[in-house]
Protein backbone atom coordinates (compact mmCIF):
# COMPACT_ATOMS: atom_id res chain seq x y z
CA MET A 1 10.75 -4.37 -7.95
CA LYS A 2 7.17 -5.56 -7.60
CA THR A 3 5.52 -5.65 -4.22
CA PHE A 4 2.96 -8.11 -2.96
CA GLU A 5 -0.45 -6.69 -2.14
CA GLY A 6 -1.93 -8.46 0.84
CA GLN A 7 -0.36 -9.95 3.93
CA SER A 8 3.44 -10.01 3.48
CA LEU A 9 6.38 -11.30 5.41
CA ALA A 10 7.21 -7.73 6.45
CA HIS A 11 4.14 -7.71 8.73
CA ILE A 12 4.71 -11.01 10.52
CA LEU A 13 5.40 -11.08 14.27
CA PRO A 14 8.31 -12.99 15.88
CA GLY A 15 7.43 -16.55 16.79
CA GLN A 16 4.70 -16.96 14.21
CA LEU A 17 4.54 -19.72 11.64
CA PHE A 18 3.30 -18.90 8.15
CA ARG A 19 3.16 -20.40 4.68
CA ILE A 20 4.70 -18.65 1.67
CA ARG A 21 2.07 -18.09 -0.99
CA GLN A 22 3.72 -15.87 -3.59
CA LEU A 23 7.06 -14.30 -4.45
CA ALA A 24 6.69 -10.96 -6.23
CA ASN A 25 10.18 -9.69 -6.88
CA HIS A 26 12.69 -9.60 -9.75
CA PRO A 27 13.07 -13.08 -11.34
CA GLU A 28 16.69 -13.32 -10.19
CA VAL A 29 15.71 -12.55 -6.57
CA CYS A 30 12.82 -15.05 -6.67
CA THR A 31 15.14 -17.73 -8.04
CA ARG A 32 17.65 -17.11 -5.22
CA LEU A 33 14.92 -17.12 -2.58
CA ARG A 34 13.64 -20.47 -3.92
CA GLU A 35 17.18 -21.86 -3.82
CA LEU A 36 17.35 -20.91 -0.15
CA GLY A 37 14.04 -22.65 0.58
CA PHE A 38 11.74 -19.62 0.48
CA CYS A 39 9.51 -21.26 -2.11
CA GLU A 40 5.74 -21.34 -2.52
CA ASN A 41 4.00 -23.52 0.12
CA ALA A 42 7.06 -23.69 2.40
CA VAL A 43 6.31 -23.29 6.12
CA VAL A 44 8.56 -20.69 7.71
CA ARG A 45 8.94 -19.37 11.26
CA CYS A 46 9.83 -15.78 12.10
CA ILE A 47 12.62 -15.83 14.69
CA THR A 48 13.17 -12.13 15.28
CA LYS A 49 12.51 -8.78 13.67
CA GLY A 50 14.27 -5.47 14.01
CA TYR A 51 16.44 -2.78 12.47
CA GLY A 52 14.87 -3.31 9.06
CA ASN A 53 15.70 -7.03 8.97
CA ILE A 54 13.75 -10.23 9.63
CA ILE A 55 15.39 -13.50 10.64
CA CYS A 56 13.36 -16.54 9.55
CA GLU A 57 13.81 -20.26 9.88
CA VAL A 58 13.02 -22.57 6.97
CA PHE A 59 14.03 -26.26 6.87
CA ASN A 60 16.08 -25.84 10.12
CA THR A 61 18.17 -23.06 8.60
CA ARG A 62 18.02 -19.38 9.57
CA PHE A 63 18.14 -16.59 7.04
CA GLY A 64 18.08 -12.82 7.32
CA ILE A 65 15.92 -10.88 4.88
CA ASP A 66 15.67 -7.11 4.59
CA SER A 67 12.26 -5.51 5.01
CA LEU A 68 12.01 -4.45 1.33
CA THR A 69 12.49 -8.01 0.14
CA ALA A 70 10.16 -9.26 2.88
CA SER A 71 7.42 -6.96 1.61
CA SER A 72 7.51 -8.81 -1.73
CA ILE A 73 6.82 -12.22 -0.13
CA GLY A 74 3.11 -13.01 0.18
CA ILE A 75 2.17 -15.25 3.11
CA SER A 76 -0.81 -16.90 4.75
CA ASN A 77 -1.42 -18.59 8.08
CA VAL A 78 -0.42 -22.24 8.46
């Protein structure tokens, strides 16, 4: 798996809004993330973080992502 170099979802704090800039994972994983709404330029909010998982809200739906996958999602501030 590729990892994103720069600010990634794995380093976001709970309550923060961010914009997804790049997905750097296996093509199948990237396709699935895009199907769930984790696509480039989507605005996402971090709900909570802990035990190696991150719960995010995108388009009024909450999803849990493991920290390894989160480290492959490049983000920027909204």
